[in-house]
Amino acid sequence: MANFSSVIIPIAIILFFLLMSAIKIFREYERGVVFRLGRVIKTKGPGLVLIIPIIDKVVRVSLRTIVMDIPSQDVITKDNVSVKVDAVLYFRVIDPAKAIVEVEDFLFATSQLAQTTLRSILGMAEFDELLSAREKINQELQVIIDHHTDPWGIKVALVEVKHVDLPQEMQRAMAKQAEAERERRAKVIHAQGEFQASQKLRDAANVIADHPMAMQLRFLQTLTEVAAEKNSTLVFPVPIDLFRPFFEKQTKKKK
């Protein structure tokens, strides 16, 4: 009886571990690529999955979107400007079997492909385009990387250029250019203001020429403003034109 127990217990333990190894549980975002004697039979999951111990092997693959940083790359643009550019890549596995079978390490392969494509595409763009047409460059990167990763069962959703690091010489040159542009705009605005002011002065001169008394009224208004600003006594000659109507009236009475 003791010999029987000593045989049954190890067998029960082995069977228990075999049964446990035959049970696999996959989360909602996971799939299992099942290999049977080295050949892919199917992709299973999510939930409870039963496999044949020893004969079957399962590789877990996540279907969630993966966010991958593309390290900073040294790029020489089409107009020979040296910059450092980094980016971020968003992709997900849509065919787990292809992602495991068609490429050895799909994460590493996608990272290397993104780096080489980033250098290639930015090398064909001019520096100004890199700064102003970034959306267009992002779209082009996404299309090219997605085309090359499609045989691996990977879908590239988005590529974004994050940061463009300029050399110090280029930063100083751009700062001088921006300052010169601001000065140009200031001079243009000042010239436009002078031109508009001259037009208003011309209109005022025409009004005064047609109505001489307007000049006298303006003169009195200016004196009133000066007296209000400074508490002092002002002595000024009264223009004779102000009294001309009275002189003319007095002359008529004498006649």
Protein backbone atom coordinates (compact mmCIF):
# COMPACT_ATOMS: atom_id res chain seq x y z
CA MET A 1 0.00 0.00 0.00
CA ALA A 2 2.86 2.32 0.84
CA ASN A 3 4.51 1.51 -2.49
CA PHE A 4 1.23 2.26 -4.33
CA SER A 5 0.90 5.65 -2.61
CA SER A 6 4.49 6.53 -3.40
CA VAL A 7 3.74 5.96 -7.09
CA ILE A 8 0.30 7.59 -7.24
CA ILE A 9 1.29 10.86 -5.55
CA PRO A 10 4.08 11.79 -8.03
CA ILE A 11 1.83 10.82 -10.94
CA ALA A 12 -1.00 12.99 -9.54
CA ILE A 13 1.37 15.90 -9.13
CA ILE A 14 2.63 15.52 -12.70
CA LEU A 15 -0.92 15.30 -14.05
CA PHE A 16 -1.90 18.37 -12.04
CA PHE A 17 0.93 20.45 -13.48
CA LEU A 18 0.17 19.15 -17.00
CA LEU A 19 -3.44 20.15 -16.57
CA MET A 20 -2.45 23.58 -15.31
CA SER A 21 -0.10 24.07 -18.25
CA ALA A 22 -2.93 23.13 -20.63
CA ILE A 23 -5.09 25.99 -19.36
CA LYS A 24 -4.32 29.48 -20.66
CA ILE A 25 -6.28 32.63 -19.88
CA PHE A 26 -6.01 35.59 -22.24
CA ARG A 27 -7.19 39.10 -21.46
CA GLU A 28 -9.52 40.98 -23.78
CA TYR A 29 -6.60 42.74 -25.51
CA GLU A 30 -4.44 39.58 -25.81
CA ARG A 31 -4.30 36.81 -28.37
CA GLY A 32 -2.32 33.58 -28.34
CA VAL A 33 -0.56 32.25 -31.42
CA VAL A 34 -0.59 28.45 -30.98
CA PHE A 35 2.25 26.38 -32.45
CA ARG A 36 1.70 22.62 -32.64
CA LEU A 37 4.90 20.72 -33.24
CA GLY A 38 6.41 23.89 -34.67
CA ARG A 39 3.55 24.80 -37.00
CA VAL A 40 1.00 27.58 -36.50
CA ILE A 41 -2.46 26.08 -36.17
CA LYS A 42 -4.56 29.10 -35.13
CA THR A 43 -4.81 32.25 -33.07
CA LYS A 44 -6.88 31.89 -29.90
CA GLY A 45 -8.36 34.18 -27.29
CA PRO A 46 -9.56 36.06 -25.41
CA GLY A 47 -10.80 34.07 -22.41
CA LEU A 48 -10.08 30.46 -21.46
CA VAL A 49 -8.02 28.46 -23.96
CA LEU A 50 -7.06 24.78 -23.71
CA ILE A 51 -3.90 23.46 -25.36
CA ILE A 52 -2.10 20.15 -25.48
CA PRO A 53 0.78 20.22 -23.02
CA ILE A 54 4.29 19.64 -24.39
CA ILE A 55 2.98 19.45 -27.97
CA ASP A 56 1.56 22.97 -28.15
CA LYS A 57 3.38 26.21 -27.47
CA VAL A 58 1.64 29.58 -27.15
CA VAL A 59 3.04 33.05 -27.82
CA ARG A 60 1.10 35.94 -26.30
CA VAL A 61 0.60 39.05 -28.43
CA SER A 62 -0.96 42.31 -27.25
CA LEU A 63 -3.41 44.05 -29.57
CA ARG A 64 -3.28 47.38 -27.76
CA THR A 65 -1.87 50.47 -29.45
CA ILE A 66 1.86 50.73 -28.80
CA VAL A 67 3.45 54.15 -28.33
CA MET A 68 7.10 54.06 -29.42
CA ASP A 69 9.60 56.90 -29.13
CA ILE A 70 11.86 57.27 -32.14
CA PRO A 71 15.27 58.36 -30.82
CA SER A 72 16.77 61.66 -31.97
CA GLN A 73 18.21 61.34 -35.47
CA ASP A 74 20.89 63.46 -37.15
CA VAL A 75 19.35 64.69 -40.40
CA ILE A 76 20.75 66.84 -43.20
CA THR A 77 17.92 68.53 -45.06
CA LYS A 78 17.72 69.08 -48.79
CA ASP A 79 19.16 72.59 -48.42
CA ASN A 80 22.11 71.28 -46.33
CA VAL A 81 20.91 72.26 -42.84
CA SER A 82 21.99 69.86 -40.10
CA VAL A 83 19.28 69.21 -37.47
CA LYS A 84 18.38 66.66 -34.82
CA VAL A 85 14.82 65.34 -35.05
CA ASP A 86 12.89 62.92 -32.85
CA ALA A 87 9.38 61.55 -33.30
CA VAL A 88 6.74 59.28 -31.80
CA LEU A 89 5.09 56.31 -33.50
CA TYR A 90 1.63 54.86 -32.75
CA PHE A 91 0.91 51.35 -34.06
CA ARG A 92 -0.86 48.13 -33.17
CA VAL A 93 -0.80 44.46 -34.16
CA ILE A 94 -3.79 43.46 -36.29
CA ASP A 95 -2.57 39.97 -37.29
CA PRO A 96 -0.78 38.26 -34.37
CA ALA A 97 0.31 35.25 -36.44
CA LYS A 98 2.12 37.41 -39.01
CA ALA A 99 3.70 39.55 -36.29
CA ILE A 100 5.29 36.42 -34.79
CA VAL A 101 6.06 34.41 -37.93
CA GLU A 102 7.03 37.03 -40.53
CA VAL A 103 9.58 38.95 -38.45
CA GLU A 104 11.82 37.91 -35.58
CA ASP A 105 11.07 40.86 -33.25
CA PHE A 106 8.34 43.13 -34.58
CA LEU A 107 8.96 45.82 -31.96
CA PHE A 108 12.66 46.13 -32.80
CA ALA A 109 12.01 45.86 -36.53
CA THR A 110 9.36 48.60 -36.44
CA SER A 111 11.66 50.86 -34.43
CA GLN A 112 14.54 50.45 -36.90
CA LEU A 113 12.25 50.98 -39.87
CA ALA A 114 10.85 54.17 -38.34
CA GLN A 115 14.34 55.58 -37.71
CA THR A 116 15.61 54.94 -41.25
CA THR A 117 12.39 56.26 -42.80
CA LEU A 118 12.55 59.41 -40.66
CA ARG A 119 16.10 60.17 -41.85
CA SER A 120 15.20 59.42 -45.47
CA ILE A 121 12.03 61.54 -45.67
CA LEU A 122 13.42 64.53 -43.78
CA GLY A 123 16.58 64.40 -45.89
CA MET A 124 14.42 65.06 -48.98
CA ALA A 125 12.65 68.07 -47.40
CA GLU A 126 13.93 71.62 -47.11
CA PHE A 127 14.41 73.23 -43.72
CA ASP A 128 11.53 75.69 -44.08
CA GLU A 129 9.24 72.83 -45.10
CA LEU A 130 10.28 70.89 -42.01
CA LEU A 131 9.07 73.76 -39.83
CA SER A 132 5.97 74.87 -41.74
CA ALA A 133 4.65 71.68 -43.40
CA ARG A 134 5.02 69.25 -40.52
CA GLU A 135 1.54 67.78 -40.99
CA LYS A 136 2.41 66.82 -44.55
CA ILE A 137 5.67 65.18 -43.43
CA ASN A 138 3.86 63.27 -40.67
CA GLN A 139 1.36 61.93 -43.19
CA GLU A 140 4.10 60.86 -45.57
CA LEU A 141 5.98 59.07 -42.79
CA GLN A 142 2.81 57.26 -41.70
CA VAL A 143 2.03 56.04 -45.23
CA ILE A 144 5.55 54.74 -45.91
CA ILE A 145 6.04 52.99 -42.55
CA ASP A 146 2.55 51.47 -42.70
CA HIS A 147 3.26 50.13 -46.20
CA HIS A 148 6.43 48.35 -45.06
CA THR A 149 4.94 46.95 -41.84
CA ASP A 150 1.77 45.63 -43.46
CA PRO A 151 3.35 42.22 -44.29
CA TRP A 152 4.16 41.90 -40.57
CA GLY A 153 0.50 42.30 -39.57
CA ILE A 154 1.10 45.75 -38.09
CA LYS A 155 -1.03 48.86 -38.65
CA VAL A 156 0.64 52.26 -38.18
CA ALA A 157 -1.97 54.73 -36.95
CA LEU A 158 0.07 57.91 -36.55
CA VAL A 159 3.58 59.34 -36.77
CA GLU A 160 4.35 62.71 -35.18
CA VAL A 161 7.59 64.69 -35.40
CA LYS A 162 8.04 65.95 -31.84
CA HIS A 163 11.08 68.19 -31.71
CA VAL A 164 13.50 69.78 -34.17
CA ASP A 165 16.79 70.70 -32.50
CA LEU A 166 18.69 73.40 -34.40
CA PRO A 167 22.41 74.15 -34.09
CA GLN A 168 23.37 77.38 -32.28
CA GLU A 169 24.47 79.07 -35.49
CA MET A 170 21.10 78.44 -37.12
CA GLN A 171 19.24 79.67 -34.03
CA ARG A 172 21.20 82.95 -34.08
CA ALA A 173 20.59 83.36 -37.82
CA MET A 174 16.85 82.76 -37.38
CA ALA A 175 16.74 85.24 -34.48
CA LYS A 176 18.40 87.91 -36.66
CA GLN A 177 16.01 87.17 -39.48
CA ALA A 178 13.00 87.45 -37.17
CA GLU A 179 14.30 90.74 -35.74
CA ALA A 180 14.85 92.15 -39.23
CA GLU A 181 11.34 91.09 -40.21
CA ARG A 182 9.87 92.84 -37.15
CA GLU A 183 11.82 96.02 -37.95
CA ARG A 184 10.59 95.91 -41.54
CA ARG A 185 6.98 95.59 -40.42
CA ALA A 186 7.42 98.44 -37.92
CA LYS A 187 8.81 100.72 -40.63
CA VAL A 188 6.00 99.82 -43.00
CA ILE A 189 3.37 100.53 -40.33
CA HIS A 190 5.08 103.83 -39.46
CA ALA A 191 5.19 104.84 -43.13
CA GLN A 192 1.53 103.97 -43.54
CA GLY A 193 0.69 106.09 -40.49
CA GLU A 194 2.65 109.05 -41.89
CA PHE A 195 0.90 108.70 -45.21
CA GLN A 196 -2.55 108.64 -43.61
CA ALA A 197 -1.65 111.62 -41.41
CA SER A 198 -0.50 113.60 -44.45
CA GLN A 199 -3.80 112.87 -46.16
CA LYS A 200 -5.73 114.18 -43.15
CA LEU A 201 -3.54 117.31 -43.01
CA ARG A 202 -4.19 117.92 -46.69
CA ASP A 203 -7.95 117.63 -46.10
CA ALA A 204 -7.69 120.04 -43.15
CA ALA A 205 -5.71 122.54 -45.25
CA ASN A 206 -8.39 122.41 -47.92
CA VAL A 207 -11.11 123.10 -45.34
CA ILE A 208 -9.17 126.07 -43.89
CA ALA A 209 -8.54 127.45 -47.36
CA ASP A 210 -12.26 127.41 -48.07
CA HIS A 211 -13.20 128.79 -44.63
CA PRO A 212 -10.55 131.23 -43.26
CA MET A 213 -12.41 131.69 -39.98
CA ALA A 214 -11.79 128.03 -39.17
CA MET A 215 -8.12 128.89 -38.68
CA GLN A 216 -9.00 131.55 -36.12
CA LEU A 217 -11.32 129.21 -34.23
CA ARG A 218 -8.64 126.56 -34.16
CA PHE A 219 -6.21 129.15 -32.84
CA LEU A 220 -8.55 130.03 -29.97
CA GLN A 221 -9.15 126.36 -29.16
CA THR A 222 -5.41 125.76 -28.94
CA LEU A 223 -4.98 128.67 -26.56
CA THR A 224 -7.76 127.32 -24.35
CA GLU A 225 -6.07 123.91 -24.17
CA VAL A 226 -2.69 125.45 -23.33
CA ALA A 227 -4.22 127.60 -20.58
CA ALA A 228 -5.95 124.58 -19.07
CA GLU A 229 -2.75 122.53 -18.93
CA LYS A 230 -0.48 125.23 -17.45
CA ASN A 231 -1.70 127.68 -14.80
CA SER A 232 -0.06 130.80 -16.19
CA THR A 233 -0.88 134.11 -17.81
CA LEU A 234 -0.71 134.19 -21.56
CA VAL A 235 -0.34 137.35 -23.63
CA PHE A 236 -1.08 136.92 -27.31
CA PRO A 237 -2.12 139.22 -30.13
CA VAL A 238 -5.75 138.98 -31.13
CA PRO A 239 -6.09 138.41 -34.87
CA ILE A 240 -7.62 141.44 -36.53
CA ASP A 241 -9.87 139.17 -38.56
CA LEU A 242 -11.93 138.46 -35.47
CA PHE A 243 -12.96 142.14 -35.25
CA ARG A 244 -13.44 142.77 -38.96
CA PRO A 245 -17.21 142.05 -38.82
CA PHE A 246 -17.60 144.69 -36.08
CA PHE A 247 -15.57 147.25 -38.08
CA GLU A 248 -17.66 146.65 -41.16
CA LYS A 249 -20.88 147.04 -39.15
CA GLN A 250 -19.66 150.30 -37.61
CA THR A 251 -18.72 151.65 -41.04
CA LYS A 252 -22.19 150.92 -42.38
CA LYS A 253 -23.80 152.84 -39.47
CA LYS A 254 -21.69 155.93 -40.15
CA LYS A 255 -22.78 155.89 -43.74
